[in-house]
Amino acid sequence: MTVDKSPSLSDRNLALELVRVTEAAALAASIWIGRGDKNSADGAAVGAMRKAFNAVAINGLVVIGEGEMDEAPMLYIGEKVGAGGPDMDIAVDPLEGTYVTAKGAPNAIAVIALAERGNFLHAPDIYMDKIAVGPGLPEGVVSLDASVHENLRNLARAKKCDVSDLMVCTLDRDRHEEKIAYCREAGARISLIGDGDVSGLIAVSQPEAGIDLFIGSGGAPEGVLSAAALRCIGGQMQGRLLYEDDAQIERARGMGITDPNRIYTVSEMARGNVMFAATGVTSGPMLRGVRRSGSGAVTHSTVMRSKSGTVRYIEAHHNFETKQWIGS
């Protein structure tokens, strides 16, 4: 992580505006924590985030969103947002962790990434196979083309530790049973998360999280968002799109993906100057969740910029009696 010696004032202001957008989504979703209604939680976050974008001085195009226009009424792929300004691509997940929000479980966040036009991978809303490690390791130390055992051996060698010292994070899904079994057979430890693989992927770059390796499949949009964060804070990641049928391959081709089997790196999924912002909805290893009171709430957010490598954490106290809350 580097010191921000000569930051652009406009970049700084824009980064803070992005935090206000994720704060609005998190505040709106927080009303639905533990109420068993993931759709209402997601809908509240989407609506609040969309309204908040109206005050951001960009000409934004959603390239990673809630889905295509016919599937998502707001923040769909191709939707234009912002109050006017520089052309920007936007990747959003208004509520990453709808199920955990509905259950009141940890690790739900509201997320945005922003880059200059044309610098995000335009990935359809399908699955992506992913693998990620933190910074300071030899390039290519892990690979989607290698076996689980090979990746664990190579990572342990690079970290000068035993495989048994490694902690592997993956989503707790039936499709990952084989990978989990291989990790345990090799002697590695496992951290299973119920939802929210953006947080899991980012955790590899946070020493305090204690995660050495992320493996497994999850949404391609979340993969691009994670790549944006890793561009800012460091780390390696590979992603390969997974297709269920020919229709998904054709949809990907229509979005500019010519090689359906290509493995993408962090810098290929998120190029140029990237900004990333997230606000906690429920508490996790990266961010604390929203703490509500009768007249206000406290939010905990992070904002990152690849240009400087700066990562800021922001605790905001919101008084609903003295300012209009965009989620109300």
C-alpha atoms as a PDB file:
ATOM      1  CA  MET A   1       0.000   0.000   0.000  1.00  0.00           C
ATOM      2  CA  THR A   2       1.454   3.356  -1.016  1.00  0.00           C
ATOM      3  CA  VAL A   3       1.130   6.891   0.288  1.00  0.00           C
ATOM      4  CA  ASP A   4      -1.136   9.148  -1.788  1.00  0.00           C
ATOM      5  CA  LYS A   5       1.379  11.955  -2.509  1.00  0.00           C
ATOM      6  CA  SER A   6      -0.262  13.833  -5.374  1.00  0.00           C
ATOM      7  CA  PRO A   7      -3.861  12.716  -5.749  1.00  0.00           C
ATOM      8  CA  SER A   8      -6.259  14.292  -8.190  1.00  0.00           C
ATOM      9  CA  LEU A   9      -8.805  16.423  -6.337  1.00  0.00           C
ATOM     10  CA  SER A  10     -11.538  15.268  -8.700  1.00  0.00           C
ATOM     11  CA  ASP A  11     -10.597  11.627  -8.029  1.00  0.00           C
ATOM     12  CA  ARG A  12     -10.749  12.262  -4.294  1.00  0.00           C
ATOM     13  CA  ASN A  13     -14.152  13.906  -4.524  1.00  0.00           C
ATOM     14  CA  LEU A  14     -15.494  11.155  -6.770  1.00  0.00           C
ATOM     15  CA  ALA A  15     -14.237   8.456  -4.415  1.00  0.00           C
ATOM     16  CA  LEU A  16     -16.135  10.048  -1.530  1.00  0.00           C
ATOM     17  CA  GLU A  17     -19.256  10.353  -3.701  1.00  0.00           C
ATOM     18  CA  LEU A  18     -19.078   6.612  -4.341  1.00  0.00           C
ATOM     19  CA  VAL A  19     -19.044   5.985  -0.600  1.00  0.00           C
ATOM     20  CA  ARG A  20     -22.228   8.008  -0.243  1.00  0.00           C
ATOM     21  CA  VAL A  21     -23.838   5.746  -2.836  1.00  0.00           C
ATOM     22  CA  THR A  22     -22.863   2.516  -1.059  1.00  0.00           C
ATOM     23  CA  GLU A  23     -23.920   4.042   2.274  1.00  0.00           C
ATOM     24  CA  ALA A  24     -27.394   4.717   0.863  1.00  0.00           C
ATOM     25  CA  ALA A  25     -27.733   1.119  -0.352  1.00  0.00           C
ATOM     26  CA  ALA A  26     -26.492  -0.327   2.943  1.00  0.00           C
ATOM     27  CA  LEU A  27     -28.818   1.850   5.016  1.00  0.00           C
ATOM     28  CA  ALA A  28     -31.822   0.833   2.912  1.00  0.00           C
ATOM     29  CA  ALA A  29     -30.947  -2.870   3.080  1.00  0.00           C
ATOM     30  CA  SER A  30     -30.323  -2.746   6.831  1.00  0.00           C
ATOM     31  CA  ILE A  31     -34.051  -2.369   7.536  1.00  0.00           C
ATOM     32  CA  TRP A  32     -34.470  -5.921   6.230  1.00  0.00           C
ATOM     33  CA  ILE A  33     -31.679  -7.615   8.204  1.00  0.00           C
ATOM     34  CA  GLY A  34     -32.931 -10.867   9.699  1.00  0.00           C
ATOM     35  CA  ARG A  35     -36.470 -10.516   8.358  1.00  0.00           C
ATOM     36  CA  GLY A  36     -36.264 -13.482   6.007  1.00  0.00           C
ATOM     37  CA  ASP A  37     -37.048 -11.510   2.853  1.00  0.00           C
ATOM     38  CA  LYS A  38     -34.015 -11.370   0.581  1.00  0.00           C
ATOM     39  CA  ASN A  39     -35.938  -9.880  -2.347  1.00  0.00           C
ATOM     40  CA  SER A  40     -37.154  -6.882  -0.348  1.00  0.00           C
ATOM     41  CA  ALA A  41     -33.666  -6.334   1.038  1.00  0.00           C
ATOM     42  CA  ASP A  42     -32.170  -6.410  -2.451  1.00  0.00           C
ATOM     43  CA  GLY A  43     -34.909  -4.203  -3.881  1.00  0.00           C
ATOM     44  CA  ALA A  44     -34.407  -1.588  -1.178  1.00  0.00           C
ATOM     45  CA  ALA A  45     -30.648  -1.509  -1.793  1.00  0.00           C
ATOM     46  CA  VAL A  46     -31.061  -1.271  -5.576  1.00  0.00           C
ATOM     47  CA  GLY A  47     -33.576   1.568  -5.343  1.00  0.00           C
ATOM     48  CA  ALA A  48     -31.491   3.584  -2.889  1.00  0.00           C
ATOM     49  CA  MET A  49     -28.295   3.107  -4.874  1.00  0.00           C
ATOM     50  CA  ARG A  50     -29.971   4.183  -8.101  1.00  0.00           C
ATOM     51  CA  LYS A  51     -31.333   7.374  -6.503  1.00  0.00           C
ATOM     52  CA  ALA A  52     -27.962   8.175  -4.966  1.00  0.00           C
ATOM     53  CA  PHE A  53     -26.258   7.932  -8.358  1.00  0.00           C
ATOM     54  CA  ASN A  54     -28.334  10.923  -9.520  1.00  0.00           C
ATOM     55  CA  ALA A  55     -26.040  13.220  -7.516  1.00  0.00           C
ATOM     56  CA  VAL A  56     -22.736  11.787  -8.799  1.00  0.00           C
ATOM     57  CA  ALA A  57     -20.984  13.948 -11.436  1.00  0.00           C
ATOM     58  CA  ILE A  58     -20.341  11.228 -14.021  1.00  0.00           C
ATOM     59  CA  ASN A  59     -21.818   9.943 -17.252  1.00  0.00           C
ATOM     60  CA  GLY A  60     -22.009   6.379 -15.986  1.00  0.00           C
ATOM     61  CA  LEU A  61     -22.797   3.192 -17.866  1.00  0.00           C
ATOM     62  CA  VAL A  62     -23.619   0.068 -15.852  1.00  0.00           C
ATOM     63  CA  VAL A  63     -21.578  -2.786 -17.338  1.00  0.00           C
ATOM     64  CA  ILE A  64     -21.856  -5.092 -14.323  1.00  0.00           C
ATOM     65  CA  GLY A  65     -25.274  -4.888 -12.704  1.00  0.00           C
ATOM     66  CA  GLU A  66     -28.364  -6.698 -11.527  1.00  0.00           C
ATOM     67  CA  GLY A  67     -28.784  -8.421 -14.889  1.00  0.00           C
ATOM     68  CA  GLU A  68     -29.930  -7.579 -18.398  1.00  0.00           C
ATOM     69  CA  MET A  69     -32.681  -5.002 -18.931  1.00  0.00           C
ATOM     70  CA  ASP A  70     -35.444  -7.595 -19.305  1.00  0.00           C
ATOM     71  CA  GLU A  71     -34.459  -9.245 -16.003  1.00  0.00           C
ATOM     72  CA  ALA A  72     -33.748  -6.232 -13.783  1.00  0.00           C
ATOM     73  CA  PRO A  73     -35.863  -3.063 -13.622  1.00  0.00           C
ATOM     74  CA  MET A  74     -33.038  -0.943 -12.159  1.00  0.00           C
ATOM     75  CA  LEU A  75     -29.248  -0.909 -12.381  1.00  0.00           C
ATOM     76  CA  TYR A  76     -29.386  -3.333 -15.268  1.00  0.00           C
ATOM     77  CA  ILE A  77     -26.489  -3.849 -17.682  1.00  0.00           C
ATOM     78  CA  GLY A  78     -26.568  -0.952 -20.124  1.00  0.00           C
ATOM     79  CA  GLU A  79     -28.406   1.482 -17.837  1.00  0.00           C
ATOM     80  CA  LYS A  80     -27.084   5.054 -17.743  1.00  0.00           C
ATOM     81  CA  VAL A  81     -26.665   6.763 -14.371  1.00  0.00           C
ATOM     82  CA  GLY A  82     -25.126   9.925 -12.991  1.00  0.00           C
ATOM     83  CA  ALA A  83     -25.642  13.663 -13.178  1.00  0.00           C
ATOM     84  CA  GLY A  84     -23.305  14.160 -16.161  1.00  0.00           C
ATOM     85  CA  GLY A  85     -19.528  14.346 -16.399  1.00  0.00           C
ATOM     86  CA  PRO A  86     -16.698  12.060 -17.537  1.00  0.00           C
ATOM     87  CA  ASP A  87     -17.622   8.779 -19.241  1.00  0.00           C
ATOM     88  CA  MET A  88     -17.284   5.954 -16.729  1.00  0.00           C
ATOM     89  CA  ASP A  89     -18.022   2.233 -16.587  1.00  0.00           C
ATOM     90  CA  ILE A  90     -19.732   1.103 -13.411  1.00  0.00           C
ATOM     91  CA  ALA A  91     -19.827  -2.301 -11.745  1.00  0.00           C
ATOM     92  CA  VAL A  92     -22.358  -2.608  -8.933  1.00  0.00           C
ATOM     93  CA  ASP A  93     -23.749  -5.081  -6.469  1.00  0.00           C
ATOM     94  CA  PRO A  94     -26.196  -3.090  -4.330  1.00  0.00           C
ATOM     95  CA  LEU A  95     -26.471  -5.978  -1.873  1.00  0.00           C
ATOM     96  CA  GLU A  96     -23.795  -8.657  -2.074  1.00  0.00           C
ATOM     97  CA  GLY A  97     -25.180 -11.250   0.282  1.00  0.00           C
ATOM     98  CA  THR A  98     -28.968 -11.149  -0.015  1.00  0.00           C
ATOM     99  CA  TYR A  99     -29.415 -14.484   1.753  1.00  0.00           C
ATOM    100  CA  VAL A 100     -27.155 -13.567   4.667  1.00  0.00           C
ATOM    101  CA  THR A 101     -28.947 -10.227   5.053  1.00  0.00           C
ATOM    102  CA  ALA A 102     -32.287 -12.036   5.210  1.00  0.00           C
ATOM    103  CA  LYS A 103     -30.863 -14.379   7.864  1.00  0.00           C
ATOM    104  CA  GLY A 104     -29.016 -11.672   9.807  1.00  0.00           C
ATOM    105  CA  ALA A 105     -25.767 -13.530   9.142  1.00  0.00           C
ATOM    106  CA  PRO A 106     -22.323 -11.930   8.642  1.00  0.00           C
ATOM    107  CA  ASN A 107     -20.607 -10.583   5.542  1.00  0.00           C
ATOM    108  CA  ALA A 108     -23.219  -8.654   3.523  1.00  0.00           C
ATOM    109  CA  ILE A 109     -21.959  -5.493   1.802  1.00  0.00           C
ATOM    110  CA  ALA A 110     -23.025  -2.860  -0.746  1.00  0.00           C
ATOM    111  CA  VAL A 111     -20.374  -2.538  -3.469  1.00  0.00           C
ATOM    112  CA  ILE A 112     -19.418  -0.244  -6.372  1.00  0.00           C
ATOM    113  CA  ALA A 113     -16.411  -0.146  -8.684  1.00  0.00           C
ATOM    114  CA  LEU A 114     -15.749   2.545 -11.277  1.00  0.00           C
ATOM    115  CA  ALA A 115     -13.313   2.845 -14.181  1.00  0.00           C
ATOM    116  CA  GLU A 116     -12.907   4.918 -17.328  1.00  0.00           C
ATOM    117  CA  ARG A 117     -15.105   3.762 -20.206  1.00  0.00           C
ATOM    118  CA  GLY A 118     -14.115   0.414 -21.688  1.00  0.00           C
ATOM    119  CA  ASN A 119     -11.874  -0.740 -18.837  1.00  0.00           C
ATOM    120  CA  PHE A 120     -14.076  -3.360 -17.153  1.00  0.00           C
ATOM    121  CA  LEU A 121     -14.621  -6.848 -18.514  1.00  0.00           C
ATOM    122  CA  HIS A 122     -18.216  -6.891 -19.776  1.00  0.00           C
ATOM    123  CA  ALA A 123     -19.146 -10.203 -18.210  1.00  0.00           C
ATOM    124  CA  PRO A 124     -22.658 -11.658 -18.443  1.00  0.00           C
ATOM    125  CA  ASP A 125     -24.468 -12.616 -15.263  1.00  0.00           C
ATOM    126  CA  ILE A 126     -23.285 -16.232 -15.241  1.00  0.00           C
ATOM    127  CA  TYR A 127     -20.860 -18.233 -13.097  1.00  0.00           C
ATOM    128  CA  MET A 128     -17.111 -17.721 -13.044  1.00  0.00           C
ATOM    129  CA  ASP A 129     -14.446 -20.080 -11.708  1.00  0.00           C
ATOM    130  CA  LYS A 130     -12.073 -18.066  -9.500  1.00  0.00           C
ATOM    131  CA  ILE A 131      -8.801 -18.370  -7.650  1.00  0.00           C
ATOM    132  CA  ALA A 132      -7.026 -15.618  -5.716  1.00  0.00           C
ATOM    133  CA  VAL A 133      -4.056 -14.987  -3.436  1.00  0.00           C
ATOM    134  CA  GLY A 134      -2.647 -11.910  -1.741  1.00  0.00           C
ATOM    135  CA  PRO A 135       0.172  -9.556  -2.781  1.00  0.00           C
ATOM    136  CA  GLY A 136       3.909 -10.155  -2.608  1.00  0.00           C
ATOM    137  CA  LEU A 137       3.886 -13.610  -4.200  1.00  0.00           C
ATOM    138  CA  PRO A 138       5.488 -14.779  -7.481  1.00  0.00           C
ATOM    139  CA  GLU A 139       3.264 -14.146 -10.484  1.00  0.00           C
ATOM    140  CA  GLY A 140       1.302 -17.245 -11.389  1.00  0.00           C
ATOM    141  CA  VAL A 141       1.958 -19.012  -8.092  1.00  0.00           C
ATOM    142  CA  VAL A 142      -1.574 -20.437  -8.379  1.00  0.00           C
ATOM    143  CA  SER A 143      -3.547 -21.178 -11.514  1.00  0.00           C
ATOM    144  CA  LEU A 144      -7.006 -22.325 -12.567  1.00  0.00           C
ATOM    145  CA  ASP A 145      -5.261 -24.855 -14.825  1.00  0.00           C
ATOM    146  CA  ALA A 146      -3.457 -26.478 -11.880  1.00  0.00           C
ATOM    147  CA  SER A 147      -4.946 -29.038  -9.504  1.00  0.00           C
ATOM    148  CA  VAL A 148      -5.927 -28.113  -5.955  1.00  0.00           C
ATOM    149  CA  HIS A 149      -2.956 -30.114  -4.622  1.00  0.00           C
ATOM    150  CA  GLU A 150      -0.518 -28.350  -6.984  1.00  0.00           C
ATOM    151  CA  ASN A 151      -1.815 -24.924  -6.036  1.00  0.00           C
ATOM    152  CA  LEU A 152      -1.547 -25.667  -2.322  1.00  0.00           C
ATOM    153  CA  ARG A 153       1.990 -27.035  -2.668  1.00  0.00           C
ATOM    154  CA  ASN A 154       3.130 -24.060  -4.770  1.00  0.00           C
ATOM    155  CA  LEU A 155       1.534 -21.540  -2.438  1.00  0.00           C
ATOM    156  CA  ALA A 156       3.022 -23.157   0.667  1.00  0.00           C
ATOM    157  CA  ARG A 157       6.454 -23.166  -0.984  1.00  0.00           C
ATOM    158  CA  ALA A 158       6.134 -19.474  -1.897  1.00  0.00           C
ATOM    159  CA  LYS A 159       5.019 -18.586   1.627  1.00  0.00           C
ATOM    160  CA  LYS A 160       7.712 -20.794   3.185  1.00  0.00           C
ATOM    161  CA  CYS A 161       5.191 -22.693   5.277  1.00  0.00           C
ATOM    162  CA  ASP A 162       3.492 -26.069   5.391  1.00  0.00           C
ATOM    163  CA  VAL A 163       0.259 -26.786   3.545  1.00  0.00           C
ATOM    164  CA  SER A 164      -1.299 -27.348   6.958  1.00  0.00           C
ATOM    165  CA  ASP A 165      -0.633 -23.675   7.755  1.00  0.00           C
ATOM    166  CA  LEU A 166      -2.746 -22.475   4.817  1.00  0.00           C
ATOM    167  CA  MET A 167      -6.335 -21.285   5.217  1.00  0.00           C
ATOM    168  CA  VAL A 168      -8.514 -21.714   2.134  1.00  0.00           C
ATOM    169  CA  CYS A 169     -11.784 -19.803   1.722  1.00  0.00           C
ATOM    170  CA  THR A 170     -14.661 -20.953  -0.469  1.00  0.00           C
ATOM    171  CA  LEU A 171     -18.426 -20.688  -0.674  1.00  0.00           C
ATOM    172  CA  ASP A 172     -20.265 -23.438   1.191  1.00  0.00           C
ATOM    173  CA  ARG A 173     -21.933 -24.993  -1.851  1.00  0.00           C
ATOM    174  CA  ASP A 174     -22.489 -28.563  -3.027  1.00  0.00           C
ATOM    175  CA  ARG A 175     -20.573 -27.792  -6.230  1.00  0.00           C
ATOM    176  CA  HIS A 176     -17.437 -27.247  -4.148  1.00  0.00           C
ATOM    177  CA  GLU A 177     -17.526 -30.565  -2.275  1.00  0.00           C
ATOM    178  CA  GLU A 178     -14.715 -32.048  -4.375  1.00  0.00           C
ATOM    179  CA  LYS A 179     -12.436 -29.025  -3.971  1.00  0.00           C
ATOM    180  CA  ILE A 180     -13.085 -28.955  -0.235  1.00  0.00           C
ATOM    181  CA  ALA A 181     -12.273 -32.673   0.024  1.00  0.00           C
ATOM    182  CA  TYR A 182      -9.002 -32.185  -1.885  1.00  0.00           C
ATOM    183  CA  CYS A 183      -7.997 -29.317   0.415  1.00  0.00           C
ATOM    184  CA  ARG A 184      -8.650 -31.377   3.518  1.00  0.00           C
ATOM    185  CA  GLU A 185      -6.875 -34.388   2.038  1.00  0.00           C
ATOM    186  CA  ALA A 186      -3.810 -32.173   1.449  1.00  0.00           C
ATOM    187  CA  GLY A 187      -3.975 -30.978   5.061  1.00  0.00           C
ATOM    188  CA  ALA A 188      -5.110 -27.395   4.463  1.00  0.00           C
ATOM    189  CA  ARG A 189      -7.634 -25.653   6.687  1.00  0.00           C
ATOM    190  CA  ILE A 190     -10.984 -24.475   5.279  1.00  0.00           C
ATOM    191  CA  SER A 191     -13.097 -21.370   5.916  1.00  0.00           C
ATOM    192  CA  LEU A 192     -16.585 -21.892   4.481  1.00  0.00           C
ATOM    193  CA  ILE A 193     -18.711 -18.807   3.830  1.00  0.00           C
ATOM    194  CA  GLY A 194     -22.428 -18.875   3.210  1.00  0.00           C
ATOM    195  CA  ASP A 195     -22.557 -15.983   0.765  1.00  0.00           C
ATOM    196  CA  GLY A 196     -20.611 -12.947  -0.377  1.00  0.00           C
ATOM    197  CA  ASP A 197     -17.585 -14.108  -2.335  1.00  0.00           C
ATOM    198  CA  VAL A 198     -16.463 -10.499  -2.968  1.00  0.00           C
ATOM    199  CA  SER A 199     -15.536 -10.254   0.700  1.00  0.00           C
ATOM    200  CA  GLY A 200     -13.947 -13.697   0.544  1.00  0.00           C
ATOM    201  CA  LEU A 201     -11.817 -12.784  -2.458  1.00  0.00           C
ATOM    202  CA  ILE A 202     -10.738  -9.451  -0.972  1.00  0.00           C
ATOM    203  CA  ALA A 203      -9.804 -11.219   2.277  1.00  0.00           C
ATOM    204  CA  VAL A 204      -6.714 -12.760   0.641  1.00  0.00           C
ATOM    205  CA  SER A 205      -5.170  -9.255   0.608  1.00  0.00           C
ATOM    206  CA  GLN A 206      -6.004  -8.503   4.239  1.00  0.00           C
ATOM    207  CA  PRO A 207      -3.514 -10.105   6.656  1.00  0.00           C
ATOM    208  CA  GLU A 208      -5.904  -9.725   9.584  1.00  0.00           C
ATOM    209  CA  ALA A 209      -8.462 -11.919   7.795  1.00  0.00           C
ATOM    210  CA  GLY A 210      -6.071 -14.894   7.832  1.00  0.00           C
ATOM    211  CA  ILE A 211      -7.097 -16.162   4.369  1.00  0.00           C
ATOM    212  CA  ASP A 212      -4.291 -17.465   2.128  1.00  0.00           C
ATOM    213  CA  LEU A 213      -6.243 -18.739  -0.874  1.00  0.00           C
ATOM    214  CA  PHE A 214      -9.717 -18.325  -2.346  1.00  0.00           C
ATOM    215  CA  ILE A 215     -11.036 -20.982  -4.718  1.00  0.00           C
ATOM    216  CA  GLY A 216     -14.380 -21.864  -6.240  1.00  0.00           C
ATOM    217  CA  SER A 217     -17.100 -20.603  -8.533  1.00  0.00           C
ATOM    218  CA  GLY A 218     -19.477 -17.716  -8.029  1.00  0.00           C
ATOM    219  CA  GLY A 219     -21.069 -14.948 -10.016  1.00  0.00           C
ATOM    220  CA  ALA A 220     -19.032 -13.376 -12.823  1.00  0.00           C
ATOM    221  CA  PRO A 221     -20.186  -9.863 -11.807  1.00  0.00           C
ATOM    222  CA  GLU A 222     -18.759 -10.444  -8.339  1.00  0.00           C
ATOM    223  CA  GLY A 223     -15.532 -11.596  -9.980  1.00  0.00           C
ATOM    224  CA  VAL A 224     -15.131  -8.282 -11.791  1.00  0.00           C
ATOM    225  CA  LEU A 225     -15.919  -6.332  -8.610  1.00  0.00           C
ATOM    226  CA  SER A 226     -13.320  -8.358  -6.712  1.00  0.00           C
ATOM    227  CA  ALA A 227     -10.739  -7.766  -9.437  1.00  0.00           C
ATOM    228  CA  ALA A 228     -11.371  -4.024  -9.126  1.00  0.00           C
ATOM    229  CA  ALA A 229     -10.640  -4.163  -5.398  1.00  0.00           C
ATOM    230  CA  LEU A 230      -7.504  -6.258  -5.881  1.00  0.00           C
ATOM    231  CA  ARG A 231      -6.266  -3.756  -8.487  1.00  0.00           C
ATOM    232  CA  CYS A 232      -6.345  -1.186  -5.677  1.00  0.00           C
ATOM    233  CA  ILE A 233      -4.962  -3.173  -2.747  1.00  0.00           C
ATOM    234  CA  GLY A 234      -2.828  -5.805  -4.465  1.00  0.00           C
ATOM    235  CA  GLY A 235      -3.137  -9.518  -5.020  1.00  0.00           C
ATOM    236  CA  GLN A 236      -3.520 -12.026  -7.828  1.00  0.00           C
ATOM    237  CA  MET A 237      -6.740 -13.437  -9.197  1.00  0.00           C
ATOM    238  CA  GLN A 238      -7.765 -15.526 -12.176  1.00  0.00           C
ATOM    239  CA  GLY A 239     -11.286 -15.956 -13.496  1.00  0.00           C
ATOM    240  CA  ARG A 240     -12.778 -18.157 -16.206  1.00  0.00           C
ATOM    241  CA  LEU A 241     -16.407 -17.927 -17.277  1.00  0.00           C
ATOM    242  CA  LEU A 242     -18.522 -21.054 -16.851  1.00  0.00           C
ATOM    243  CA  TYR A 243     -21.343 -21.651 -19.323  1.00  0.00           C
ATOM    244  CA  GLU A 244     -24.446 -23.773 -18.842  1.00  0.00           C
ATOM    245  CA  ASP A 245     -25.463 -23.840 -22.503  1.00  0.00           C
ATOM    246  CA  ASP A 246     -24.787 -22.431 -25.968  1.00  0.00           C
ATOM    247  CA  ALA A 247     -27.161 -19.533 -25.339  1.00  0.00           C
ATOM    248  CA  GLN A 248     -24.878 -18.236 -22.589  1.00  0.00           C
ATOM    249  CA  ILE A 249     -21.856 -18.520 -24.871  1.00  0.00           C
ATOM    250  CA  GLU A 250     -23.664 -16.509 -27.534  1.00  0.00           C
ATOM    251  CA  ARG A 251     -24.673 -13.895 -24.970  1.00  0.00           C
ATOM    252  CA  ALA A 252     -21.031 -13.576 -23.929  1.00  0.00           C
ATOM    253  CA  ARG A 253     -19.965 -13.212 -27.571  1.00  0.00           C
ATOM    254  CA  GLY A 254     -22.492 -10.410 -27.935  1.00  0.00           C
ATOM    255  CA  MET A 255     -20.734  -8.622 -25.051  1.00  0.00           C
ATOM    256  CA  GLY A 256     -17.352  -8.841 -26.776  1.00  0.00           C
ATOM    257  CA  ILE A 257     -15.989 -12.111 -25.339  1.00  0.00           C
ATOM    258  CA  THR A 258     -14.432 -13.938 -28.296  1.00  0.00           C
ATOM    259  CA  ASP A 259     -12.701 -16.800 -26.435  1.00  0.00           C
ATOM    260  CA  PRO A 260     -15.158 -18.517 -24.068  1.00  0.00           C
ATOM    261  CA  ASN A 261     -12.360 -20.517 -22.390  1.00  0.00           C
ATOM    262  CA  ARG A 262     -10.032 -17.602 -21.696  1.00  0.00           C
ATOM    263  CA  ILE A 263      -8.554 -17.170 -18.232  1.00  0.00           C
ATOM    264  CA  TYR A 264      -8.672 -13.513 -17.159  1.00  0.00           C
ATOM    265  CA  THR A 265      -6.259 -11.878 -14.733  1.00  0.00           C
ATOM    266  CA  VAL A 266      -6.963  -8.971 -12.385  1.00  0.00           C
ATOM    267  CA  SER A 267      -5.593  -6.419 -14.843  1.00  0.00           C
ATOM    268  CA  GLU A 268      -7.660  -7.898 -17.683  1.00  0.00           C
ATOM    269  CA  MET A 269     -10.900  -7.729 -15.715  1.00  0.00           C
ATOM    270  CA  ALA A 270     -10.291  -4.227 -14.325  1.00  0.00           C
ATOM    271  CA  ARG A 271      -7.924  -2.016 -16.327  1.00  0.00           C
ATOM    272  CA  GLY A 272      -6.800   1.592 -16.031  1.00  0.00           C
ATOM    273  CA  ASN A 273      -7.552   3.807 -13.044  1.00  0.00           C
ATOM    274  CA  VAL A 274     -10.056   2.018 -10.837  1.00  0.00           C
ATOM    275  CA  MET A 275     -11.998   3.108  -7.766  1.00  0.00           C
ATOM    276  CA  PHE A 276     -13.762   0.735  -5.387  1.00  0.00           C
ATOM    277  CA  ALA A 277     -16.145   1.471  -2.533  1.00  0.00           C
ATOM    278  CA  ALA A 278     -18.066  -0.784  -0.161  1.00  0.00           C
ATOM    279  CA  THR A 279     -20.231  -0.317   2.929  1.00  0.00           C
ATOM    280  CA  GLY A 280     -20.994  -3.053   5.427  1.00  0.00           C
ATOM    281  CA  VAL A 281     -24.615  -4.162   5.815  1.00  0.00           C
ATOM    282  CA  THR A 282     -23.932  -6.957   8.280  1.00  0.00           C
ATOM    283  CA  SER A 283     -20.571  -7.248  10.024  1.00  0.00           C
ATOM    284  CA  GLY A 284     -17.716  -9.244   8.519  1.00  0.00           C
ATOM    285  CA  PRO A 285     -13.899  -9.383   8.597  1.00  0.00           C
ATOM    286  CA  MET A 286     -13.577  -6.328   6.343  1.00  0.00           C
ATOM    287  CA  LEU A 287     -16.397  -4.019   7.451  1.00  0.00           C
ATOM    288  CA  ARG A 288     -18.758  -3.556  10.375  1.00  0.00           C
ATOM    289  CA  GLY A 289     -22.456  -3.682   9.636  1.00  0.00           C
ATOM    290  CA  VAL A 290     -24.994  -0.875   9.913  1.00  0.00           C
ATOM    291  CA  ARG A 291     -25.864   0.057  13.487  1.00  0.00           C
ATOM    292  CA  ARG A 292     -29.320   1.631  13.590  1.00  0.00           C
ATOM    293  CA  SER A 293     -30.992   3.772  16.261  1.00  0.00           C
ATOM    294  CA  GLY A 294     -34.341   5.517  16.294  1.00  0.00           C
ATOM    295  CA  SER A 295     -33.089   8.733  14.716  1.00  0.00           C
ATOM    296  CA  GLY A 296     -30.074   7.609  12.728  1.00  0.00           C
ATOM    297  CA  ALA A 297     -27.438   5.012  12.024  1.00  0.00           C
ATOM    298  CA  VAL A 298     -23.693   4.407  11.882  1.00  0.00           C
ATOM    299  CA  THR A 299     -22.070   2.962   8.759  1.00  0.00           C
ATOM    300  CA  HIS A 300     -18.575   1.599   8.137  1.00  0.00           C
ATOM    301  CA  SER A 301     -17.149   1.838   4.618  1.00  0.00           C
ATOM    302  CA  THR A 302     -13.954   1.496   2.651  1.00  0.00           C
ATOM    303  CA  VAL A 303     -12.862   3.362  -0.474  1.00  0.00           C
ATOM    304  CA  MET A 304      -9.842   2.406  -2.584  1.00  0.00           C
ATOM    305  CA  ARG A 305      -8.041   3.941  -5.570  1.00  0.00           C
ATOM    306  CA  SER A 306      -5.680   2.004  -7.835  1.00  0.00           C
ATOM    307  CA  LYS A 307      -3.959   5.217  -8.955  1.00  0.00           C
ATOM    308  CA  SER A 308      -2.453   5.784  -5.516  1.00  0.00           C
ATOM    309  CA  GLY A 309      -2.977   2.429  -3.810  1.00  0.00           C
ATOM    310  CA  THR A 310      -4.675   4.303  -0.983  1.00  0.00           C
ATOM    311  CA  VAL A 311      -7.267   2.495   1.134  1.00  0.00           C
ATOM    312  CA  ARG A 312      -9.452   4.533   3.467  1.00  0.00           C
ATOM    313  CA  TYR A 313     -11.955   3.372   6.068  1.00  0.00           C
ATOM    314  CA  ILE A 314     -14.806   5.720   6.878  1.00  0.00           C
ATOM    315  CA  GLU A 315     -17.182   5.619   9.836  1.00  0.00           C
ATOM    316  CA  ALA A 316     -20.178   7.848   9.184  1.00  0.00           C
ATOM    317  CA  HIS A 317     -22.866   8.898  11.673  1.00  0.00           C
ATOM    318  CA  HIS A 318     -26.174   9.582   9.901  1.00  0.00           C
ATOM    319  CA  ASN A 319     -28.822  11.757  11.591  1.00  0.00           C
ATOM    320  CA  PHE A 320     -32.158  11.198   9.885  1.00  0.00           C
ATOM    321  CA  GLU A 321     -33.679  14.213  11.665  1.00  0.00           C
ATOM    322  CA  THR A 322     -31.297  16.757  10.117  1.00  0.00           C
ATOM    323  CA  LYS A 323     -30.774  15.364   6.598  1.00  0.00           C
ATOM    324  CA  GLN A 324     -32.921  13.575   4.088  1.00  0.00           C
ATOM    325  CA  TRP A 325     -32.124   9.890   3.937  1.00  0.00           C
ATOM    326  CA  ILE A 326     -32.156   8.706   0.364  1.00  0.00           C
ATOM    327  CA  GLY A 327     -33.427   5.281   1.342  1.00  0.00           C
ATOM    328  CA  SER A 328     -36.529   6.591   3.067  1.00  0.00           C
END
